[in-house]
């Protein structure tokens, strides 16, 4: 017997159908009120982790951007605020790292024991309190000058907050 290989479209279609059925059964029946409940969101995330979605983006052959997009689309369709995008972003950012802390983070993410939250913001090298103590004219000059230097050096900063369970 010859094994047939599935195309990428077949795999993403099966993932879409499987996840849609899963979310219809375990999420959509609870209604919109579940979205406002951290406990409900945590419960569905644990179930999704059990289905393996938290590992997407870690290994090239184990699901990449196409599969992540399918999962994100189905979560959106179901109105489910599970933290998939942040986990997928962390997988893409730190998978393959040889640093022990990165491997530990991935292990915690893939088991559902950690959730990451990403935020993107411009780095402000002058704390707000220090700025408020400067005279108005000095403040404007200093702020404009520091922001120009900042724009040359750093286009954005990324901070990661971990919620360990």
C-alpha atoms as a PDB file:
ATOM      1  CA  UNK A   1       0.000   0.000   0.000  1.00  0.00           C
ATOM      2  CA  UNK A   2       1.354   3.407  -0.971  1.00  0.00           C
ATOM      3  CA  UNK A   3       0.933   6.224   1.522  1.00  0.00           C
ATOM      4  CA  UNK A   4      -0.412   9.415   0.042  1.00  0.00           C
ATOM      5  CA  UNK A   5       1.047  12.715   1.093  1.00  0.00           C
ATOM      6  CA  UNK A   6      -1.328  15.518   1.986  1.00  0.00           C
ATOM      7  CA  UNK A   7      -0.886  18.927   0.414  1.00  0.00           C
ATOM      8  CA  UNK A   8      -0.563  22.049   2.536  1.00  0.00           C
ATOM      9  CA  UNK A   9      -4.105  23.060   1.599  1.00  0.00           C
ATOM     10  CA  UNK A  10      -5.419  19.701   2.800  1.00  0.00           C
ATOM     11  CA  UNK A  11      -3.611  20.041   6.122  1.00  0.00           C
ATOM     12  CA  UNK A  12      -4.815  23.589   6.763  1.00  0.00           C
ATOM     13  CA  UNK A  13      -8.342  22.589   5.713  1.00  0.00           C
ATOM     14  CA  UNK A  14      -8.347  19.695   8.181  1.00  0.00           C
ATOM     15  CA  UNK A  15      -6.961  21.964  10.904  1.00  0.00           C
ATOM     16  CA  UNK A  16      -9.661  24.555  10.161  1.00  0.00           C
ATOM     17  CA  UNK A  17     -12.457  21.972  10.248  1.00  0.00           C
ATOM     18  CA  UNK A  18     -11.133  20.320  13.394  1.00  0.00           C
ATOM     19  CA  UNK A  19     -10.656  23.574  15.274  1.00  0.00           C
ATOM     20  CA  UNK A  20     -14.012  24.927  14.118  1.00  0.00           C
ATOM     21  CA  UNK A  21     -15.769  21.832  15.465  1.00  0.00           C
ATOM     22  CA  UNK A  22     -13.774  21.985  18.687  1.00  0.00           C
ATOM     23  CA  UNK A  23     -14.618  25.653  19.271  1.00  0.00           C
ATOM     24  CA  UNK A  24     -18.271  25.151  18.322  1.00  0.00           C
ATOM     25  CA  UNK A  25     -18.530  22.430  20.951  1.00  0.00           C
ATOM     26  CA  UNK A  26     -16.393  23.900  23.732  1.00  0.00           C
ATOM     27  CA  UNK A  27     -16.646  27.679  23.288  1.00  0.00           C
ATOM     28  CA  UNK A  28     -19.519  28.997  21.206  1.00  0.00           C
ATOM     29  CA  UNK A  29     -22.097  27.194  23.356  1.00  0.00           C
ATOM     30  CA  UNK A  30     -21.057  29.374  26.311  1.00  0.00           C
ATOM     31  CA  UNK A  31     -21.892  32.591  24.516  1.00  0.00           C
ATOM     32  CA  UNK A  32     -20.374  36.042  24.662  1.00  0.00           C
ATOM     33  CA  UNK A  33     -20.334  36.127  28.475  1.00  0.00           C
ATOM     34  CA  UNK A  34     -17.488  33.612  28.492  1.00  0.00           C
ATOM     35  CA  UNK A  35     -15.216  36.135  26.746  1.00  0.00           C
ATOM     36  CA  UNK A  36     -15.384  38.427  29.774  1.00  0.00           C
ATOM     37  CA  UNK A  37     -14.489  35.658  32.200  1.00  0.00           C
ATOM     38  CA  UNK A  38     -10.749  35.110  32.765  1.00  0.00           C
ATOM     39  CA  UNK A  39     -11.540  31.663  34.145  1.00  0.00           C
ATOM     40  CA  UNK A  40     -13.437  30.665  30.986  1.00  0.00           C
ATOM     41  CA  UNK A  41     -10.673  31.983  28.739  1.00  0.00           C
ATOM     42  CA  UNK A  42      -8.061  30.111  30.802  1.00  0.00           C
ATOM     43  CA  UNK A  43     -10.134  26.921  30.604  1.00  0.00           C
ATOM     44  CA  UNK A  44     -10.473  27.041  26.814  1.00  0.00           C
ATOM     45  CA  UNK A  45      -6.783  27.884  26.477  1.00  0.00           C
ATOM     46  CA  UNK A  46      -5.877  24.764  28.495  1.00  0.00           C
ATOM     47  CA  UNK A  47      -8.015  22.711  26.110  1.00  0.00           C
ATOM     48  CA  UNK A  48      -6.433  24.344  23.065  1.00  0.00           C
ATOM     49  CA  UNK A  49      -2.971  23.685  24.511  1.00  0.00           C
ATOM     50  CA  UNK A  50      -4.034  20.050  24.830  1.00  0.00           C
ATOM     51  CA  UNK A  51      -4.877  20.102  21.111  1.00  0.00           C
ATOM     52  CA  UNK A  52      -1.328  21.275  20.338  1.00  0.00           C
ATOM     53  CA  UNK A  53      -2.003  24.777  19.027  1.00  0.00           C
ATOM     54  CA  UNK A  54       0.487  26.320  21.477  1.00  0.00           C
ATOM     55  CA  UNK A  55       3.391  24.670  19.634  1.00  0.00           C
ATOM     56  CA  UNK A  56       2.612  26.145  16.202  1.00  0.00           C
ATOM     57  CA  UNK A  57       5.514  28.153  14.863  1.00  0.00           C
ATOM     58  CA  UNK A  58       8.131  26.300  16.878  1.00  0.00           C
ATOM     59  CA  UNK A  59       9.237  23.699  14.344  1.00  0.00           C
ATOM     60  CA  UNK A  60       9.172  24.332  10.612  1.00  0.00           C
ATOM     61  CA  UNK A  61       7.588  20.969   9.814  1.00  0.00           C
ATOM     62  CA  UNK A  62       5.142  21.119  12.702  1.00  0.00           C
ATOM     63  CA  UNK A  63       3.076  24.063  11.560  1.00  0.00           C
ATOM     64  CA  UNK A  64       4.088  27.530  10.615  1.00  0.00           C
ATOM     65  CA  UNK A  65       2.491  30.799   9.651  1.00  0.00           C
ATOM     66  CA  UNK A  66      -0.258  29.243   7.522  1.00  0.00           C
ATOM     67  CA  UNK A  67      -1.422  27.082  10.419  1.00  0.00           C
ATOM     68  CA  UNK A  68      -1.121  29.952  12.900  1.00  0.00           C
ATOM     69  CA  UNK A  69      -3.315  32.075  10.626  1.00  0.00           C
ATOM     70  CA  UNK A  70      -5.908  29.298  10.411  1.00  0.00           C
ATOM     71  CA  UNK A  71      -6.031  29.066  14.209  1.00  0.00           C
ATOM     72  CA  UNK A  72      -6.252  32.844  14.582  1.00  0.00           C
ATOM     73  CA  UNK A  73      -9.052  33.034  12.002  1.00  0.00           C
ATOM     74  CA  UNK A  74     -11.064  30.329  13.749  1.00  0.00           C
ATOM     75  CA  UNK A  75     -10.545  31.917  17.174  1.00  0.00           C
ATOM     76  CA  UNK A  76     -11.797  35.192  15.721  1.00  0.00           C
ATOM     77  CA  UNK A  77     -14.758  33.487  14.063  1.00  0.00           C
ATOM     78  CA  UNK A  78     -15.723  31.957  17.399  1.00  0.00           C
ATOM     79  CA  UNK A  79     -15.101  35.185  19.343  1.00  0.00           C
ATOM     80  CA  UNK A  80     -12.579  33.388  21.534  1.00  0.00           C
ATOM     81  CA  UNK A  81      -9.904  35.649  23.091  1.00  0.00           C
ATOM     82  CA  UNK A  82      -7.399  32.845  23.718  1.00  0.00           C
ATOM     83  CA  UNK A  83      -3.790  34.130  23.829  1.00  0.00           C
ATOM     84  CA  UNK A  84      -2.738  32.397  20.607  1.00  0.00           C
ATOM     85  CA  UNK A  85      -1.136  35.363  18.858  1.00  0.00           C
ATOM     86  CA  UNK A  86       1.254  36.093  21.719  1.00  0.00           C
ATOM     87  CA  UNK A  87       2.230  32.438  22.093  1.00  0.00           C
ATOM     88  CA  UNK A  88       2.763  32.118  18.331  1.00  0.00           C
ATOM     89  CA  UNK A  89       4.870  35.289  18.319  1.00  0.00           C
ATOM     90  CA  UNK A  90       6.971  33.954  21.199  1.00  0.00           C
ATOM     91  CA  UNK A  91       7.382  30.622  19.380  1.00  0.00           C
ATOM     92  CA  UNK A  92       8.564  32.371  16.228  1.00  0.00           C
ATOM     93  CA  UNK A  93      10.846  34.728  18.165  1.00  0.00           C
ATOM     94  CA  UNK A  94      12.655  32.320  20.491  1.00  0.00           C
ATOM     95  CA  UNK A  95      12.425  28.866  18.911  1.00  0.00           C
ATOM     96  CA  UNK A  96      15.835  27.616  17.939  1.00  0.00           C
ATOM     97  CA  UNK A  97      17.528  29.628  20.665  1.00  0.00           C
ATOM     98  CA  UNK A  98      20.280  27.822  22.536  1.00  0.00           C
ATOM     99  CA  UNK A  99      19.629  29.814  25.719  1.00  0.00           C
ATOM    100  CA  UNK A 100      18.238  27.722  28.564  1.00  0.00           C
ATOM    101  CA  UNK A 101      15.772  30.431  29.607  1.00  0.00           C
ATOM    102  CA  UNK A 102      14.262  30.444  26.098  1.00  0.00           C
ATOM    103  CA  UNK A 103      13.875  26.665  26.140  1.00  0.00           C
ATOM    104  CA  UNK A 104      12.245  26.887  29.573  1.00  0.00           C
ATOM    105  CA  UNK A 105       9.886  29.603  28.353  1.00  0.00           C
ATOM    106  CA  UNK A 106       8.837  27.486  25.365  1.00  0.00           C
ATOM    107  CA  UNK A 107       8.306  24.469  27.609  1.00  0.00           C
ATOM    108  CA  UNK A 108       6.056  26.523  29.899  1.00  0.00           C
ATOM    109  CA  UNK A 109       4.160  28.031  26.962  1.00  0.00           C
ATOM    110  CA  UNK A 110       3.593  24.662  25.324  1.00  0.00           C
ATOM    111  CA  UNK A 111       2.309  23.145  28.556  1.00  0.00           C
ATOM    112  CA  UNK A 112       0.006  26.090  29.275  1.00  0.00           C
ATOM    113  CA  UNK A 113       1.869  27.066  32.438  1.00  0.00           C
ATOM    114  CA  UNK A 114       2.884  30.464  31.061  1.00  0.00           C
ATOM    115  CA  UNK A 115       1.326  33.110  28.884  1.00  0.00           C
ATOM    116  CA  UNK A 116       3.233  35.965  27.316  1.00  0.00           C
ATOM    117  CA  UNK A 117       2.002  39.440  26.568  1.00  0.00           C
ATOM    118  CA  UNK A 118       3.794  41.630  24.052  1.00  0.00           C
ATOM    119  CA  UNK A 119       3.664  45.383  23.878  1.00  0.00           C
ATOM    120  CA  UNK A 120       5.250  47.650  21.326  1.00  0.00           C
ATOM    121  CA  UNK A 121       6.108  51.216  22.280  1.00  0.00           C
ATOM    122  CA  UNK A 122       8.711  53.843  21.668  1.00  0.00           C
ATOM    123  CA  UNK A 123      11.489  53.954  24.212  1.00  0.00           C
ATOM    124  CA  UNK A 124      11.370  57.135  26.280  1.00  0.00           C
ATOM    125  CA  UNK A 125      14.830  57.657  27.807  1.00  0.00           C
ATOM    126  CA  UNK A 126      13.650  60.492  30.077  1.00  0.00           C
ATOM    127  CA  UNK A 127      11.276  59.354  32.838  1.00  0.00           C
ATOM    128  CA  UNK A 128       8.090  61.390  33.212  1.00  0.00           C
ATOM    129  CA  UNK A 129       9.042  62.677  36.684  1.00  0.00           C
ATOM    130  CA  UNK A 130      12.375  64.001  35.479  1.00  0.00           C
ATOM    131  CA  UNK A 131      10.700  65.701  32.527  1.00  0.00           C
ATOM    132  CA  UNK A 132       8.149  67.388  34.745  1.00  0.00           C
ATOM    133  CA  UNK A 133      10.917  68.994  36.802  1.00  0.00           C
ATOM    134  CA  UNK A 134      12.548  70.616  33.791  1.00  0.00           C
ATOM    135  CA  UNK A 135      11.596  74.148  32.854  1.00  0.00           C
ATOM    136  CA  UNK A 136       9.231  74.341  29.904  1.00  0.00           C
ATOM    137  CA  UNK A 137      11.798  75.570  27.365  1.00  0.00           C
ATOM    138  CA  UNK A 138      14.480  73.146  28.491  1.00  0.00           C
ATOM    139  CA  UNK A 139      11.951  70.356  28.529  1.00  0.00           C
ATOM    140  CA  UNK A 140      10.940  70.967  24.928  1.00  0.00           C
ATOM    141  CA  UNK A 141      14.549  71.116  23.713  1.00  0.00           C
ATOM    142  CA  UNK A 142      15.614  68.080  25.719  1.00  0.00           C
ATOM    143  CA  UNK A 143      12.581  66.033  24.745  1.00  0.00           C
ATOM    144  CA  UNK A 144      12.932  66.831  21.034  1.00  0.00           C
ATOM    145  CA  UNK A 145      16.663  66.138  21.089  1.00  0.00           C
ATOM    146  CA  UNK A 146      16.339  62.848  22.957  1.00  0.00           C
ATOM    147  CA  UNK A 147      13.524  61.687  20.692  1.00  0.00           C
ATOM    148  CA  UNK A 148      15.631  62.401  17.614  1.00  0.00           C
ATOM    149  CA  UNK A 149      18.545  60.386  19.033  1.00  0.00           C
ATOM    150  CA  UNK A 150      16.106  57.684  20.036  1.00  0.00           C
ATOM    151  CA  UNK A 151      14.629  57.498  16.529  1.00  0.00           C
ATOM    152  CA  UNK A 152      18.088  57.058  15.058  1.00  0.00           C
ATOM    153  CA  UNK A 153      19.081  54.291  17.447  1.00  0.00           C
ATOM    154  CA  UNK A 154      15.906  52.445  18.277  1.00  0.00           C
ATOM    155  CA  UNK A 155      12.823  52.294  16.123  1.00  0.00           C
ATOM    156  CA  UNK A 156      10.790  50.415  18.714  1.00  0.00           C
ATOM    157  CA  UNK A 157      11.182  48.481  21.903  1.00  0.00           C
ATOM    158  CA  UNK A 158       9.576  45.240  22.853  1.00  0.00           C
ATOM    159  CA  UNK A 159       8.726  44.177  26.348  1.00  0.00           C
ATOM    160  CA  UNK A 160       7.566  40.742  27.351  1.00  0.00           C
ATOM    161  CA  UNK A 161       5.507  40.126  30.446  1.00  0.00           C
ATOM    162  CA  UNK A 162       5.138  36.583  31.660  1.00  0.00           C
ATOM    163  CA  UNK A 163       2.211  35.251  33.588  1.00  0.00           C
ATOM    164  CA  UNK A 164       3.382  32.049  35.203  1.00  0.00           C
ATOM    165  CA  UNK A 165       0.844  29.660  36.586  1.00  0.00           C
END
